[in-house]
Each structure stands twice: as C-alpha cells, then as structure tokens.
Amino acid sequence: MRRSNESPPPGERRARKIDRSGKAIASEKTKSAPENQGKSLPPKATLARRWPRLRVNRFNFKWVDDATGERGDDVESLRAFLERKATS
C-alpha cells in the first residue's frame, strides 16, 4: 500500500478530495469576497491610502475604523461609512 504523500504509479489517478457533504472540492482558487458584495468597494490599496486606520475583513465584511471608533458587520454599513467619509 502506498503512502498518501507518495505519487501514484503511472496510469493511476489520484483519489478526489471530498468534503463532508460528499461534494468534490474544487481545486481552483476561491475569491475572498462574495461576487455581488465586493464590486462597489474600492480596491484594498485605495482603502489603505485614503483611510489608513480602517480595517476590513473581506471574508465577512466586518470593519472597524480605529480613528473614529466606528464599526460595522456588513457591506452596506461599510459603503455608508465610506460615502460619509468621502463627502466630508
């Protein structure tokens, strides 16, 4: 029996990785932000340049601005915060 870290012999395919629900795990990269939520947000570089004390978790969109102490839990509150800051 071959070990899991060894390559399979020629002509034999590797076993597919399966998650708990039985679906095959995709080998392609996944995006960190959901497609419909991240489109209207500025890129990370723009956020860092214009709001250096703003920290955004792009997986769940929780954010905090260390300069003002404001924080939020979703992308809508982040958009509203950015619009307020851009106009002031």
PDB file of N, CA and C in Angstrom:
ATOM      1  N   MET A   1       0.841  -1.170   0.000  1.00  0.00           N
ATOM      2  CA  MET A   1       0.000   0.000   0.000  1.00  0.00           C
ATOM      3  C   MET A   1       0.890   1.239   0.000  1.00  0.00           C
ATOM      4  N   ARG A   2       0.508   2.186  -0.828  1.00  0.00           N
ATOM      5  CA  ARG A   2       1.335   3.384  -0.913  1.00  0.00           C
ATOM      6  C   ARG A   2       0.873   4.417   0.094  1.00  0.00           C
ATOM      7  N   ARG A   3       1.826   5.240   0.524  1.00  0.00           N
ATOM      8  CA  ARG A   3       1.518   6.303   1.487  1.00  0.00           C
ATOM      9  C   ARG A   3       0.816   7.457   0.789  1.00  0.00           C
ATOM     10  N   SER A   4       0.116   8.267   1.577  1.00  0.00           N
ATOM     11  CA  SER A   4      -0.670   9.362   0.993  1.00  0.00           C
ATOM     12  C   SER A   4       0.211  10.448   0.381  1.00  0.00           C
ATOM     13  N   ASN A   5       1.458  10.578   0.834  1.00  0.00           N
ATOM     14  CA  ASN A   5       2.305  11.635   0.299  1.00  0.00           C
ATOM     15  C   ASN A   5       3.112  11.181  -0.919  1.00  0.00           C
ATOM     16  N   GLU A   6       2.988   9.931  -1.316  1.00  0.00           N
ATOM     17  CA  GLU A   6       3.704   9.432  -2.492  1.00  0.00           C
ATOM     18  C   GLU A   6       2.869   9.670  -3.746  1.00  0.00           C
ATOM     19  N   SER A   7       3.539   9.804  -4.867  1.00  0.00           N
ATOM     20  CA  SER A   7       2.851   9.960  -6.134  1.00  0.00           C
ATOM     21  C   SER A   7       2.247   8.622  -6.549  1.00  0.00           C
ATOM     22  N   PRO A   8       1.115   8.680  -7.254  1.00  0.00           N
ATOM     23  CA  PRO A   8       0.530   7.415  -7.710  1.00  0.00           C
ATOM     24  C   PRO A   8       1.369   6.823  -8.830  1.00  0.00           C
ATOM     25  N   PRO A   9       1.315   5.507  -9.012  1.00  0.00           N
ATOM     26  CA  PRO A   9       2.056   4.892 -10.114  1.00  0.00           C
ATOM     27  C   PRO A   9       1.525   5.396 -11.456  1.00  0.00           C
ATOM     28  N   PRO A  10       2.335   5.316 -12.506  1.00  0.00           N
ATOM     29  CA  PRO A  10       1.885   5.783 -13.819  1.00  0.00           C
ATOM     30  C   PRO A  10       0.593   5.081 -14.234  1.00  0.00           C
ATOM     31  N   GLY A  11      -0.326   5.856 -14.784  1.00  0.00           N
ATOM     32  CA  GLY A  11      -1.592   5.299 -15.235  1.00  0.00           C
ATOM     33  C   GLY A  11      -2.662   5.273 -14.166  1.00  0.00           C
ATOM     34  N   GLU A  12      -2.320   5.504 -12.913  1.00  0.00           N
ATOM     35  CA  GLU A  12      -3.310   5.505 -11.840  1.00  0.00           C
ATOM     36  C   GLU A  12      -3.618   6.949 -11.467  1.00  0.00           C
ATOM     37  N   ARG A  13      -4.884   7.229 -11.251  1.00  0.00           N
ATOM     38  CA  ARG A  13      -5.284   8.588 -10.905  1.00  0.00           C
ATOM     39  C   ARG A  13      -5.318   8.758  -9.396  1.00  0.00           C
ATOM     40  N   ARG A  14      -5.129   9.990  -8.967  1.00  0.00           N
ATOM     41  CA  ARG A  14      -5.238  10.301  -7.539  1.00  0.00           C
ATOM     42  C   ARG A  14      -6.706  10.269  -7.131  1.00  0.00           C
ATOM     43  N   ALA A  15      -6.938   9.959  -5.882  1.00  0.00           N
ATOM     44  CA  ALA A  15      -8.293   9.996  -5.359  1.00  0.00           C
ATOM     45  C   ALA A  15      -8.739  11.443  -5.239  1.00  0.00           C
ATOM     46  N   ARG A  16     -10.013  11.690  -5.536  1.00  0.00           N
ATOM     47  CA  ARG A  16     -10.539  13.047  -5.423  1.00  0.00           C
ATOM     48  C   ARG A  16     -10.769  13.384  -3.969  1.00  0.00           C
ATOM     49  N   LYS A  17     -10.510  14.625  -3.619  1.00  0.00           N
ATOM     50  CA  LYS A  17     -10.781  15.077  -2.268  1.00  0.00           C
ATOM     51  C   LYS A  17     -12.273  15.388  -2.154  1.00  0.00           C
ATOM     52  N   ILE A  18     -12.889  14.876  -1.101  1.00  0.00           N
ATOM     53  CA  ILE A  18     -14.319  15.031  -0.901  1.00  0.00           C
ATOM     54  C   ILE A  18     -14.557  15.724   0.436  1.00  0.00           C
ATOM     55  N   ASP A  19     -15.478  16.692   0.450  1.00  0.00           N
ATOM     56  CA  ASP A  19     -15.805  17.331   1.719  1.00  0.00           C
ATOM     57  C   ASP A  19     -16.867  16.517   2.459  1.00  0.00           C
ATOM     58  N   ARG A  20     -17.299  16.986   3.600  1.00  0.00           N
ATOM     59  CA  ARG A  20     -18.231  16.215   4.429  1.00  0.00           C
ATOM     60  C   ARG A  20     -19.572  15.977   3.764  1.00  0.00           C
ATOM     61  N   SER A  21     -20.025  16.897   2.934  1.00  0.00           N
ATOM     62  CA  SER A  21     -21.331  16.732   2.295  1.00  0.00           C
ATOM     63  C   SER A  21     -21.255  15.822   1.078  1.00  0.00           C
ATOM     64  N   GLY A  22     -20.066  15.365   0.704  1.00  0.00           N
ATOM     65  CA  GLY A  22     -19.922  14.453  -0.417  1.00  0.00           C
ATOM     66  C   GLY A  22     -19.622  15.133  -1.737  1.00  0.00           C
ATOM     67  N   LYS A  23     -19.499  16.447  -1.730  1.00  0.00           N
ATOM     68  CA  LYS A  23     -19.185  17.160  -2.963  1.00  0.00           C
ATOM     69  C   LYS A  23     -17.678  17.190  -3.167  1.00  0.00           C
ATOM     70  N   ALA A  24     -17.265  17.107  -4.409  1.00  0.00           N
ATOM     71  CA  ALA A  24     -15.836  17.192  -4.710  1.00  0.00           C
ATOM     72  C   ALA A  24     -15.356  18.607  -4.444  1.00  0.00           C
ATOM     73  N   ILE A  25     -14.198  18.735  -3.843  1.00  0.00           N
ATOM     74  CA  ILE A  25     -13.619  20.034  -3.546  1.00  0.00           C
ATOM     75  C   ILE A  25     -12.952  20.558  -4.810  1.00  0.00           C
ATOM     76  N   ALA A  26     -13.287  21.784  -5.176  1.00  0.00           N
ATOM     77  CA  ALA A  26     -12.711  22.395  -6.373  1.00  0.00           C
ATOM     78  C   ALA A  26     -11.259  22.745  -6.116  1.00  0.00           C
ATOM     79  N   SER A  27     -10.437  22.552  -7.109  1.00  0.00           N
ATOM     80  CA  SER A  27      -9.019  22.854  -6.953  1.00  0.00           C
ATOM     81  C   SER A  27      -8.701  24.287  -7.340  1.00  0.00           C
ATOM     82  N   GLU A  28      -9.660  24.995  -7.915  1.00  0.00           N
ATOM     83  CA  GLU A  28      -9.388  26.372  -8.315  1.00  0.00           C
ATOM     84  C   GLU A  28      -9.475  27.294  -7.114  1.00  0.00           C
ATOM     85  N   LYS A  29      -8.848  28.446  -7.229  1.00  0.00           N
ATOM     86  CA  LYS A  29      -8.837  29.416  -6.137  1.00  0.00           C
ATOM     87  C   LYS A  29     -10.245  29.955  -5.929  1.00  0.00           C
ATOM     88  N   THR A  30     -10.561  30.205  -4.678  1.00  0.00           N
ATOM     89  CA  THR A  30     -11.841  30.825  -4.382  1.00  0.00           C
ATOM     90  C   THR A  30     -11.614  32.294  -4.082  1.00  0.00           C
ATOM     91  N   LYS A  31     -12.591  33.090  -4.392  1.00  0.00           N
ATOM     92  CA  LYS A  31     -12.488  34.520  -4.124  1.00  0.00           C
ATOM     93  C   LYS A  31     -12.753  34.763  -2.654  1.00  0.00           C
ATOM     94  N   SER A  32     -12.094  35.758  -2.111  1.00  0.00           N
ATOM     95  CA  SER A  32     -12.287  36.050  -0.692  1.00  0.00           C
ATOM     96  C   SER A  32     -13.592  36.788  -0.441  1.00  0.00           C
ATOM     97  N   ALA A  33     -14.064  37.550  -1.400  1.00  0.00           N
ATOM     98  CA  ALA A  33     -15.298  38.306  -1.215  1.00  0.00           C
ATOM     99  C   ALA A  33     -16.382  37.719  -2.112  1.00  0.00           C
ATOM    100  N   PRO A  34     -17.599  37.672  -1.635  1.00  0.00           N
ATOM    101  CA  PRO A  34     -18.692  37.241  -2.499  1.00  0.00           C
ATOM    102  C   PRO A  34     -18.807  38.168  -3.695  1.00  0.00           C
ATOM    103  N   GLU A  35     -19.154  37.609  -4.831  1.00  0.00           N
ATOM    104  CA  GLU A  35     -19.133  38.375  -6.080  1.00  0.00           C
ATOM    105  C   GLU A  35     -20.053  39.590  -6.045  1.00  0.00           C
ATOM    106  N   ASN A  36     -21.232  39.452  -5.482  1.00  0.00           N
ATOM    107  CA  ASN A  36     -22.177  40.553  -5.535  1.00  0.00           C
ATOM    108  C   ASN A  36     -21.878  41.627  -4.502  1.00  0.00           C
ATOM    109  N   GLN A  37     -21.108  41.341  -3.470  1.00  0.00           N
ATOM    110  CA  GLN A  37     -20.865  42.325  -2.432  1.00  0.00           C
ATOM    111  C   GLN A  37     -19.632  43.172  -2.681  1.00  0.00           C
ATOM    112  N   GLY A  38     -18.592  42.624  -3.246  1.00  0.00           N
ATOM    113  CA  GLY A  38     -17.334  43.337  -3.345  1.00  0.00           C
ATOM    114  C   GLY A  38     -17.185  44.256  -4.533  1.00  0.00           C
ATOM    115  N   LYS A  39     -18.158  44.300  -5.447  1.00  0.00           N
ATOM    116  CA  LYS A  39     -17.977  45.060  -6.672  1.00  0.00           C
ATOM    117  C   LYS A  39     -17.945  46.567  -6.444  1.00  0.00           C
ATOM    118  N   SER A  40     -18.704  47.088  -5.491  1.00  0.00           N
ATOM    119  CA  SER A  40     -18.747  48.532  -5.333  1.00  0.00           C
ATOM    120  C   SER A  40     -17.734  49.043  -4.306  1.00  0.00           C
ATOM    121  N   LEU A  41     -16.975  48.160  -3.718  1.00  0.00           N
ATOM    122  CA  LEU A  41     -15.951  48.590  -2.775  1.00  0.00           C
ATOM    123  C   LEU A  41     -14.681  48.964  -3.521  1.00  0.00           C
ATOM    124  N   PRO A  42     -13.981  49.986  -3.054  1.00  0.00           N
ATOM    125  CA  PRO A  42     -12.697  50.320  -3.678  1.00  0.00           C
ATOM    126  C   PRO A  42     -11.679  49.213  -3.432  1.00  0.00           C
ATOM    127  N   PRO A  43     -10.640  49.152  -4.236  1.00  0.00           N
ATOM    128  CA  PRO A  43      -9.580  48.161  -4.014  1.00  0.00           C
ATOM    129  C   PRO A  43      -8.889  48.385  -2.668  1.00  0.00           C
ATOM    130  N   LYS A  44      -8.208  47.349  -2.200  1.00  0.00           N
ATOM    131  CA  LYS A  44      -7.529  47.418  -0.906  1.00  0.00           C
ATOM    132  C   LYS A  44      -6.528  48.561  -0.840  1.00  0.00           C
ATOM    133  N   ALA A  45      -5.810  48.813  -1.933  1.00  0.00           N
ATOM    134  CA  ALA A  45      -4.805  49.870  -1.944  1.00  0.00           C
ATOM    135  C   ALA A  45      -5.449  51.246  -1.763  1.00  0.00           C
ATOM    136  N   THR A  46      -6.592  51.468  -2.393  1.00  0.00           N
ATOM    137  CA  THR A  46      -7.290  52.741  -2.261  1.00  0.00           C
ATOM    138  C   THR A  46      -7.796  52.930  -0.835  1.00  0.00           C
ATOM    139  N   LEU A  47      -8.376  51.865  -0.266  1.00  0.00           N
ATOM    140  CA  LEU A  47      -8.842  51.941   1.120  1.00  0.00           C
ATOM    141  C   LEU A  47      -7.689  52.270   2.064  1.00  0.00           C
ATOM    142  N   ALA A  48      -6.555  51.624   1.876  1.00  0.00           N
ATOM    143  CA  ALA A  48      -5.402  51.838   2.759  1.00  0.00           C
ATOM    144  C   ALA A  48      -4.829  53.248   2.610  1.00  0.00           C
ATOM    145  N   ARG A  49      -4.866  53.789   1.406  1.00  0.00           N
ATOM    146  CA  ARG A  49      -4.322  55.123   1.183  1.00  0.00           C
ATOM    147  C   ARG A  49      -5.251  56.213   1.728  1.00  0.00           C
ATOM    148  N   ARG A  50      -6.556  56.100   1.461  1.00  0.00           N
ATOM    149  CA  ARG A  50      -7.489  57.152   1.860  1.00  0.00           C
ATOM    150  C   ARG A  50      -7.919  57.056   3.318  1.00  0.00           C
ATOM    151  N   TRP A  51      -8.022  55.835   3.840  1.00  0.00           N
ATOM    152  CA  TRP A  51      -8.443  55.615   5.226  1.00  0.00           C
ATOM    153  C   TRP A  51      -7.438  54.672   5.882  1.00  0.00           C
ATOM    154  N   PRO A  52      -6.290  55.178   6.310  1.00  0.00           N
ATOM    155  CA  PRO A  52      -5.226  54.296   6.819  1.00  0.00           C
ATOM    156  C   PRO A  52      -5.589  53.567   8.113  1.00  0.00           C
ATOM    157  N   ARG A  53      -6.535  54.065   8.886  1.00  0.00           N
ATOM    158  CA  ARG A  53      -6.898  53.422  10.148  1.00  0.00           C
ATOM    159  C   ARG A  53      -8.094  52.482   9.994  1.00  0.00           C
ATOM    160  N   LEU A  54      -8.610  52.317   8.773  1.00  0.00           N
ATOM    161  CA  LEU A  54      -9.748  51.440   8.508  1.00  0.00           C
ATOM    162  C   LEU A  54      -9.264  50.014   8.298  1.00  0.00           C
ATOM    163  N   ARG A  55      -9.860  49.082   9.023  1.00  0.00           N
ATOM    164  CA  ARG A  55      -9.530  47.662   8.846  1.00  0.00           C
ATOM    165  C   ARG A  55     -10.794  46.935   8.398  1.00  0.00           C
ATOM    166  N   VAL A  56     -10.685  46.176   7.293  1.00  0.00           N
ATOM    167  CA  VAL A  56     -11.837  45.473   6.738  1.00  0.00           C
ATOM    168  C   VAL A  56     -11.489  43.999   6.596  1.00  0.00           C
ATOM    169  N   ASN A  57     -12.348  43.135   7.119  1.00  0.00           N
ATOM    170  CA  ASN A  57     -12.229  41.703   6.904  1.00  0.00           C
ATOM    171  C   ASN A  57     -13.016  41.399   5.638  1.00  0.00           C
ATOM    172  N   ARG A  58     -12.341  41.052   4.574  1.00  0.00           N
ATOM    173  CA  ARG A  58     -13.014  40.850   3.294  1.00  0.00           C
ATOM    174  C   ARG A  58     -13.687  39.490   3.176  1.00  0.00           C
ATOM    175  N   PHE A  59     -13.600  38.661   4.182  1.00  0.00           N
ATOM    176  CA  PHE A  59     -14.333  37.389   4.184  1.00  0.00           C
ATOM    177  C   PHE A  59     -15.765  37.584   4.671  1.00  0.00           C
ATOM    178  N   ASN A  60     -15.938  38.360   5.731  1.00  0.00           N
ATOM    179  CA  ASN A  60     -17.280  38.556   6.273  1.00  0.00           C
ATOM    180  C   ASN A  60     -17.685  40.024   6.318  1.00  0.00           C
ATOM    181  N   PHE A  61     -16.826  40.925   5.870  1.00  0.00           N
ATOM    182  CA  PHE A  61     -17.061  42.362   5.766  1.00  0.00           C
ATOM    183  C   PHE A  61     -17.305  43.037   7.109  1.00  0.00           C
ATOM    184  N   LYS A  62     -16.773  42.471   8.176  1.00  0.00           N
ATOM    185  CA  LYS A  62     -16.763  43.211   9.435  1.00  0.00           C
ATOM    186  C   LYS A  62     -15.645  44.236   9.321  1.00  0.00           C
ATOM    187  N   TRP A  63     -15.892  45.435   9.815  1.00  0.00           N
ATOM    188  CA  TRP A  63     -14.917  46.508   9.669  1.00  0.00           C
ATOM    189  C   TRP A  63     -14.886  47.357  10.921  1.00  0.00           C
ATOM    190  N   VAL A  64     -13.770  48.054  11.100  1.00  0.00           N
ATOM    191  CA  VAL A  64     -13.615  48.996  12.200  1.00  0.00           C
ATOM    192  C   VAL A  64     -12.673  50.110  11.744  1.00  0.00           C
ATOM    193  N   ASP A  65     -13.032  51.336  12.123  1.00  0.00           N
ATOM    194  CA  ASP A  65     -12.177  52.486  11.852  1.00  0.00           C
ATOM    195  C   ASP A  65     -11.558  52.889  13.179  1.00  0.00           C
ATOM    196  N   ASP A  66     -10.274  52.673  13.328  1.00  0.00           N
ATOM    197  CA  ASP A  66      -9.595  52.961  14.581  1.00  0.00           C
ATOM    198  C   ASP A  66      -9.517  54.458  14.875  1.00  0.00           C
ATOM    199  N   ALA A  67      -9.620  55.293  13.857  1.00  0.00           N
ATOM    200  CA  ALA A  67      -9.539  56.736  14.071  1.00  0.00           C
ATOM    201  C   ALA A  67     -10.804  57.272  14.748  1.00  0.00           C
ATOM    202  N   THR A  68     -11.977  56.785  14.345  1.00  0.00           N
ATOM    203  CA  THR A  68     -13.238  57.291  14.894  1.00  0.00           C
ATOM    204  C   THR A  68     -13.901  56.323  15.852  1.00  0.00           C
ATOM    205  N   GLY A  69     -13.537  55.069  15.815  1.00  0.00           N
ATOM    206  CA  GLY A  69     -14.154  54.061  16.664  1.00  0.00           C
ATOM    207  C   GLY A  69     -15.412  53.449  16.074  1.00  0.00           C
ATOM    208  N   GLU A  70     -15.797  53.874  14.870  1.00  0.00           N
ATOM    209  CA  GLU A  70     -16.983  53.299  14.225  1.00  0.00           C
ATOM    210  C   GLU A  70     -16.677  51.886  13.773  1.00  0.00           C
ATOM    211  N   ARG A  71     -17.721  51.043  13.787  1.00  0.00           N
ATOM    212  CA  ARG A  71     -17.557  49.668  13.329  1.00  0.00           C
ATOM    213  C   ARG A  71     -18.859  49.182  12.737  1.00  0.00           C
ATOM    214  N   GLY A  72     -18.770  48.112  11.962  1.00  0.00           N
ATOM    215  CA  GLY A  72     -19.957  47.547  11.340  1.00  0.00           C
ATOM    216  C   GLY A  72     -19.779  46.075  11.035  1.00  0.00           C
ATOM    217  N   ASP A  73     -20.904  45.432  10.701  1.00  0.00           N
ATOM    218  CA  ASP A  73     -20.902  43.988  10.481  1.00  0.00           C
ATOM    219  C   ASP A  73     -21.217  43.564   9.057  1.00  0.00           C
ATOM    220  N   ASP A  74     -21.541  44.500   8.189  1.00  0.00           N
ATOM    221  CA  ASP A  74     -21.905  44.099   6.830  1.00  0.00           C
ATOM    222  C   ASP A  74     -21.414  45.117   5.813  1.00  0.00           C
ATOM    223  N   VAL A  75     -21.541  44.752   4.560  1.00  0.00           N
ATOM    224  CA  VAL A  75     -21.000  45.585   3.491  1.00  0.00           C
ATOM    225  C   VAL A  75     -21.824  46.860   3.306  1.00  0.00           C
ATOM    226  N   GLU A  76     -23.130  46.817   3.612  1.00  0.00           N
ATOM    227  CA  GLU A  76     -23.949  48.017   3.461  1.00  0.00           C
ATOM    228  C   GLU A  76     -23.500  49.115   4.428  1.00  0.00           C
ATOM    229  N   SER A  77     -23.203  48.749   5.668  1.00  0.00           N
ATOM    230  CA  SER A  77     -22.737  49.751   6.623  1.00  0.00           C
ATOM    231  C   SER A  77     -21.360  50.283   6.233  1.00  0.00           C
ATOM    232  N   LEU A  78     -20.532  49.436   5.634  1.00  0.00           N
ATOM    233  CA  LEU A  78     -19.218  49.883   5.167  1.00  0.00           C
ATOM    234  C   LEU A  78     -19.362  50.875   4.022  1.00  0.00           C
ATOM    235  N   ARG A  79     -20.262  50.582   3.081  1.00  0.00           N
ATOM    236  CA  ARG A  79     -20.498  51.512   1.974  1.00  0.00           C
ATOM    237  C   ARG A  79     -20.995  52.855   2.486  1.00  0.00           C
ATOM    238  N   ALA A  80     -21.929  52.828   3.441  1.00  0.00           N
ATOM    239  CA  ALA A  80     -22.453  54.079   4.004  1.00  0.00           C
ATOM    240  C   ALA A  80     -21.344  54.866   4.701  1.00  0.00           C
ATOM    241  N   PHE A  81     -20.483  54.186   5.429  1.00  0.00           N
ATOM    242  CA  PHE A  81     -19.364  54.836   6.108  1.00  0.00           C
ATOM    243  C   PHE A  81     -18.417  55.473   5.093  1.00  0.00           C
ATOM    244  N   LEU A  82     -18.082  54.756   4.042  1.00  0.00           N
ATOM    245  CA  LEU A  82     -17.170  55.290   3.021  1.00  0.00           C
ATOM    246  C   LEU A  82     -17.779  56.494   2.312  1.00  0.00           C
ATOM    247  N   GLU A  83     -19.096  56.451   2.049  1.00  0.00           N
ATOM    248  CA  GLU A  83     -19.746  57.598   1.395  1.00  0.00           C
ATOM    249  C   GLU A  83     -19.737  58.818   2.309  1.00  0.00           C
ATOM    250  N   ARG A  84     -19.990  58.616   3.611  1.00  0.00           N
ATOM    251  CA  ARG A  84     -19.941  59.732   4.556  1.00  0.00           C
ATOM    252  C   ARG A  84     -18.556  60.339   4.613  1.00  0.00           C
ATOM    253  N   LYS A  85     -17.535  59.489   4.657  1.00  0.00           N
ATOM    254  CA  LYS A  85     -16.144  59.968   4.769  1.00  0.00           C
ATOM    255  C   LYS A  85     -15.687  60.643   3.477  1.00  0.00           C
ATOM    256  N   ALA A  86     -16.162  60.155   2.322  1.00  0.00           N
ATOM    257  CA  ALA A  86     -15.735  60.729   1.057  1.00  0.00           C
ATOM    258  C   ALA A  86     -16.312  62.133   0.859  1.00  0.00           C
ATOM    259  N   THR A  87     -17.512  62.373   1.396  1.00  0.00           N
ATOM    260  CA  THR A  87     -18.120  63.687   1.212  1.00  0.00           C
ATOM    261  C   THR A  87     -17.663  64.688   2.271  1.00  0.00           C
ATOM    262  N   SER A  88     -17.166  64.203   3.390  1.00  0.00           N
ATOM    263  CA  SER A  88     -16.744  65.148   4.434  1.00  0.00           C
ATOM    264  C   SER A  88     -15.302  65.533   4.306  1.00  0.00           C
TER     265      SER A  88
END
